[in-house]
């Protein structure tokens, strides 16, 4: 019988990969930052399931908090949409 935590780990990994793809292909930079933040949360859940709480705390603080805020600040100084 498959345990519940393995199913949650698989779902978190698939969500992380899906939102990584969306972040890379998105033309709107603010949406891409949002997708990147969701991807970081999905991977943080995966790290938590893998019993790495110290990595989760650092990853959430850096990847979701500081990284996203810094990128939003940088995008506010440039243009929102990627020019092709």
N, C-alpha and C. Protein backbone atom coordinates (compact mmCIF):
# COMPACT_ATOMS: atom_id res chain seq x y z
N UNK A 1 0.84 -1.18 0.00
CA UNK A 1 0.00 0.00 0.00
C UNK A 1 0.89 1.25 0.00
N UNK A 2 0.55 2.18 -0.86
CA UNK A 2 1.32 3.43 -0.96
C UNK A 2 0.93 4.34 0.19
N UNK A 3 1.93 4.89 0.83
CA UNK A 3 1.66 5.77 1.96
C UNK A 3 1.28 7.17 1.47
N UNK A 4 0.54 7.86 2.30
CA UNK A 4 0.01 9.18 1.94
C UNK A 4 1.13 10.18 1.71
N UNK A 5 2.19 10.13 2.51
CA UNK A 5 3.25 11.12 2.37
C UNK A 5 3.99 10.97 1.04
N UNK A 6 4.04 9.77 0.48
CA UNK A 6 4.65 9.59 -0.83
C UNK A 6 3.79 10.18 -1.94
N UNK A 7 2.48 10.09 -1.77
CA UNK A 7 1.57 10.70 -2.75
C UNK A 7 1.69 12.22 -2.70
N UNK A 8 1.76 12.77 -1.49
CA UNK A 8 1.91 14.23 -1.35
C UNK A 8 3.25 14.67 -1.93
N UNK A 9 4.30 13.89 -1.72
CA UNK A 9 5.61 14.21 -2.28
C UNK A 9 5.56 14.21 -3.80
N UNK A 10 4.91 13.23 -4.39
CA UNK A 10 4.80 13.16 -5.85
C UNK A 10 4.00 14.34 -6.40
N UNK A 11 2.91 14.70 -5.74
CA UNK A 11 2.09 15.83 -6.18
C UNK A 11 2.88 17.13 -6.08
N UNK A 12 3.61 17.30 -4.98
CA UNK A 12 4.42 18.52 -4.80
C UNK A 12 5.51 18.61 -5.87
N UNK A 13 6.13 17.50 -6.20
CA UNK A 13 7.18 17.51 -7.22
C UNK A 13 6.61 17.83 -8.59
N UNK A 14 5.46 17.27 -8.92
CA UNK A 14 4.84 17.54 -10.22
C UNK A 14 4.38 19.00 -10.30
N UNK A 15 3.78 19.51 -9.22
CA UNK A 15 3.39 20.92 -9.20
C UNK A 15 4.60 21.84 -9.33
N UNK A 16 5.69 21.50 -8.65
CA UNK A 16 6.90 22.30 -8.75
C UNK A 16 7.43 22.35 -10.17
N UNK A 17 7.45 21.20 -10.83
CA UNK A 17 7.93 21.18 -12.22
C UNK A 17 6.98 21.93 -13.15
N UNK A 18 5.68 21.80 -12.94
CA UNK A 18 4.71 22.49 -13.79
C UNK A 18 4.83 24.01 -13.65
N UNK A 19 4.94 24.48 -12.42
CA UNK A 19 5.06 25.93 -12.22
C UNK A 19 6.43 26.45 -12.64
N UNK A 20 7.46 25.63 -12.61
CA UNK A 20 8.76 26.02 -13.15
C UNK A 20 8.65 26.25 -14.66
N UNK A 21 7.97 25.33 -15.34
CA UNK A 21 7.76 25.48 -16.78
C UNK A 21 6.96 26.75 -17.09
N UNK A 22 5.90 26.99 -16.32
CA UNK A 22 5.09 28.19 -16.54
C UNK A 22 5.89 29.46 -16.30
N UNK A 23 6.76 29.45 -15.30
CA UNK A 23 7.57 30.63 -15.00
C UNK A 23 8.56 30.92 -16.13
N UNK A 24 9.10 29.89 -16.74
CA UNK A 24 10.08 30.08 -17.80
C UNK A 24 9.42 30.54 -19.09
N UNK A 25 8.22 30.07 -19.38
CA UNK A 25 7.57 30.38 -20.66
C UNK A 25 6.68 31.62 -20.62
N UNK A 26 6.42 32.18 -19.45
CA UNK A 26 5.52 33.32 -19.31
C UNK A 26 6.16 34.59 -19.85
N UNK A 27 5.39 35.39 -20.59
CA UNK A 27 5.88 36.67 -21.14
C UNK A 27 5.68 37.82 -20.15
N UNK A 28 4.68 37.71 -19.27
CA UNK A 28 4.43 38.72 -18.25
C UNK A 28 5.35 38.42 -17.06
N UNK A 29 6.27 39.32 -16.77
CA UNK A 29 7.29 39.05 -15.76
C UNK A 29 6.72 38.95 -14.36
N UNK A 30 5.67 39.70 -14.05
CA UNK A 30 5.07 39.59 -12.71
C UNK A 30 4.37 38.24 -12.52
N UNK A 31 3.72 37.74 -13.56
CA UNK A 31 3.13 36.41 -13.47
C UNK A 31 4.22 35.36 -13.31
N UNK A 32 5.33 35.54 -14.02
CA UNK A 32 6.44 34.60 -13.90
C UNK A 32 7.00 34.57 -12.49
N UNK A 33 7.06 35.72 -11.83
CA UNK A 33 7.51 35.77 -10.44
C UNK A 33 6.52 35.04 -9.54
N UNK A 34 5.24 35.21 -9.79
CA UNK A 34 4.22 34.49 -9.03
C UNK A 34 4.32 32.99 -9.21
N UNK A 35 4.52 32.55 -10.44
CA UNK A 35 4.70 31.13 -10.71
C UNK A 35 5.95 30.60 -10.00
N UNK A 36 7.00 31.39 -10.00
CA UNK A 36 8.22 30.98 -9.32
C UNK A 36 8.01 30.84 -7.82
N UNK A 37 7.22 31.72 -7.24
CA UNK A 37 6.92 31.63 -5.81
C UNK A 37 6.10 30.38 -5.49
N UNK A 38 5.12 30.06 -6.35
CA UNK A 38 4.33 28.86 -6.15
C UNK A 38 5.20 27.62 -6.28
N UNK A 39 6.11 27.64 -7.24
CA UNK A 39 7.06 26.54 -7.41
C UNK A 39 7.91 26.36 -6.16
N UNK A 40 8.34 27.45 -5.56
CA UNK A 40 9.14 27.38 -4.35
C UNK A 40 8.35 26.79 -3.19
N UNK A 41 7.08 27.14 -3.09
CA UNK A 41 6.24 26.57 -2.03
C UNK A 41 6.05 25.07 -2.24
N UNK A 42 5.85 24.66 -3.49
CA UNK A 42 5.69 23.23 -3.78
C UNK A 42 6.94 22.45 -3.40
N UNK A 43 8.10 22.99 -3.73
CA UNK A 43 9.34 22.31 -3.36
C UNK A 43 9.59 22.35 -1.86
N UNK A 44 9.13 23.40 -1.19
CA UNK A 44 9.25 23.45 0.27
C UNK A 44 8.41 22.36 0.92
N UNK A 45 7.22 22.11 0.37
CA UNK A 45 6.38 21.01 0.86
C UNK A 45 7.11 19.68 0.65
N UNK A 46 7.74 19.54 -0.51
CA UNK A 46 8.48 18.30 -0.78
C UNK A 46 9.63 18.14 0.21
N UNK A 47 10.35 19.20 0.50
CA UNK A 47 11.44 19.13 1.48
C UNK A 47 10.91 18.78 2.87
N UNK A 48 9.74 19.32 3.21
CA UNK A 48 9.15 19.01 4.51
C UNK A 48 8.78 17.53 4.60
N UNK A 49 8.21 16.99 3.52
CA UNK A 49 7.87 15.57 3.51
C UNK A 49 9.13 14.72 3.62
N UNK A 50 10.24 15.20 3.05
CA UNK A 50 11.51 14.49 3.13
C UNK A 50 12.23 14.71 4.45
N UNK A 51 11.55 15.36 5.41
CA UNK A 51 12.04 15.59 6.76
C UNK A 51 13.32 16.45 6.80
N UNK A 52 13.27 17.57 6.11
CA UNK A 52 14.37 18.52 6.14
C UNK A 52 13.84 19.89 6.56
N UNK A 53 13.42 20.04 7.83
CA UNK A 53 12.80 21.29 8.25
C UNK A 53 13.73 22.50 8.21
N UNK A 54 15.03 22.29 8.41
CA UNK A 54 15.96 23.41 8.34
C UNK A 54 16.06 23.95 6.92
N UNK A 55 16.03 23.06 5.94
CA UNK A 55 16.05 23.49 4.54
C UNK A 55 14.76 24.21 4.20
N UNK A 56 13.64 23.73 4.72
CA UNK A 56 12.34 24.36 4.46
C UNK A 56 12.34 25.79 4.97
N UNK A 57 12.80 26.01 6.18
CA UNK A 57 12.79 27.36 6.74
C UNK A 57 13.65 28.32 5.92
N UNK A 58 14.82 27.88 5.54
CA UNK A 58 15.69 28.74 4.73
C UNK A 58 15.11 28.94 3.34
N UNK A 59 14.58 27.89 2.75
CA UNK A 59 14.05 27.96 1.38
C UNK A 59 12.84 28.87 1.29
N UNK A 60 11.94 28.79 2.26
CA UNK A 60 10.77 29.66 2.25
C UNK A 60 11.20 31.12 2.41
N UNK A 61 12.09 31.37 3.35
CA UNK A 61 12.51 32.75 3.60
C UNK A 61 13.20 33.36 2.39
N UNK A 62 14.04 32.58 1.74
CA UNK A 62 14.81 33.13 0.62
C UNK A 62 14.02 33.07 -0.68
N UNK A 63 13.53 31.89 -1.06
CA UNK A 63 12.91 31.72 -2.37
C UNK A 63 11.57 32.42 -2.50
N UNK A 64 10.76 32.36 -1.46
CA UNK A 64 9.44 32.99 -1.56
C UNK A 64 9.50 34.44 -1.13
N UNK A 65 10.21 34.73 -0.06
CA UNK A 65 10.22 36.08 0.48
C UNK A 65 11.16 37.04 -0.21
N UNK A 66 12.44 36.87 0.03
CA UNK A 66 13.44 37.83 -0.43
C UNK A 66 13.56 37.83 -1.94
N UNK A 67 13.65 36.63 -2.54
CA UNK A 67 13.84 36.51 -3.99
C UNK A 67 12.67 37.13 -4.75
N UNK A 68 11.45 36.81 -4.34
CA UNK A 68 10.28 37.35 -5.04
C UNK A 68 10.17 38.86 -4.86
N UNK A 69 10.41 39.33 -3.66
CA UNK A 69 10.34 40.78 -3.41
C UNK A 69 11.40 41.52 -4.21
N UNK A 70 12.60 40.98 -4.27
CA UNK A 70 13.67 41.62 -5.04
C UNK A 70 13.33 41.64 -6.53
N UNK A 71 12.79 40.56 -7.05
CA UNK A 71 12.43 40.52 -8.46
C UNK A 71 11.28 41.47 -8.79
N UNK A 72 10.30 41.58 -7.91
CA UNK A 72 9.21 42.54 -8.13
C UNK A 72 9.77 43.96 -8.14
N UNK A 73 10.70 44.26 -7.26
CA UNK A 73 11.33 45.58 -7.24
C UNK A 73 12.07 45.85 -8.54
N UNK A 74 12.82 44.86 -9.02
CA UNK A 74 13.59 45.04 -10.26
C UNK A 74 12.65 45.19 -11.45
N UNK A 75 11.58 44.43 -11.51
CA UNK A 75 10.62 44.55 -12.61
C UNK A 75 9.93 45.90 -12.57
N UNK A 76 9.71 46.44 -11.39
CA UNK A 76 9.07 47.76 -11.30
C UNK A 76 9.97 48.85 -11.89
N UNK A 77 11.26 48.60 -11.92
CA UNK A 77 12.19 49.57 -12.50
C UNK A 77 12.35 49.40 -14.01
N UNK A 78 11.85 48.30 -14.54
CA UNK A 78 11.94 48.03 -15.98
C UNK A 78 10.53 47.91 -16.54
N UNK A 79 10.39 47.17 -17.63
CA UNK A 79 9.08 46.95 -18.21
C UNK A 79 8.51 45.63 -17.75
N UNK A 80 7.20 45.58 -17.64
CA UNK A 80 6.54 44.39 -17.10
C UNK A 80 6.54 43.23 -18.08
N UNK A 81 6.39 43.51 -19.36
CA UNK A 81 6.27 42.45 -20.35
C UNK A 81 7.59 42.27 -21.09
N UNK A 82 7.91 41.02 -21.36
CA UNK A 82 9.11 40.69 -22.10
C UNK A 82 8.92 41.07 -23.56
N UNK A 83 9.87 41.77 -24.11
CA UNK A 83 9.80 42.18 -25.51
C UNK A 83 10.51 41.13 -26.35
N UNK A 84 9.79 40.65 -27.35
CA UNK A 84 10.38 39.58 -28.18
C UNK A 84 11.02 40.16 -29.40
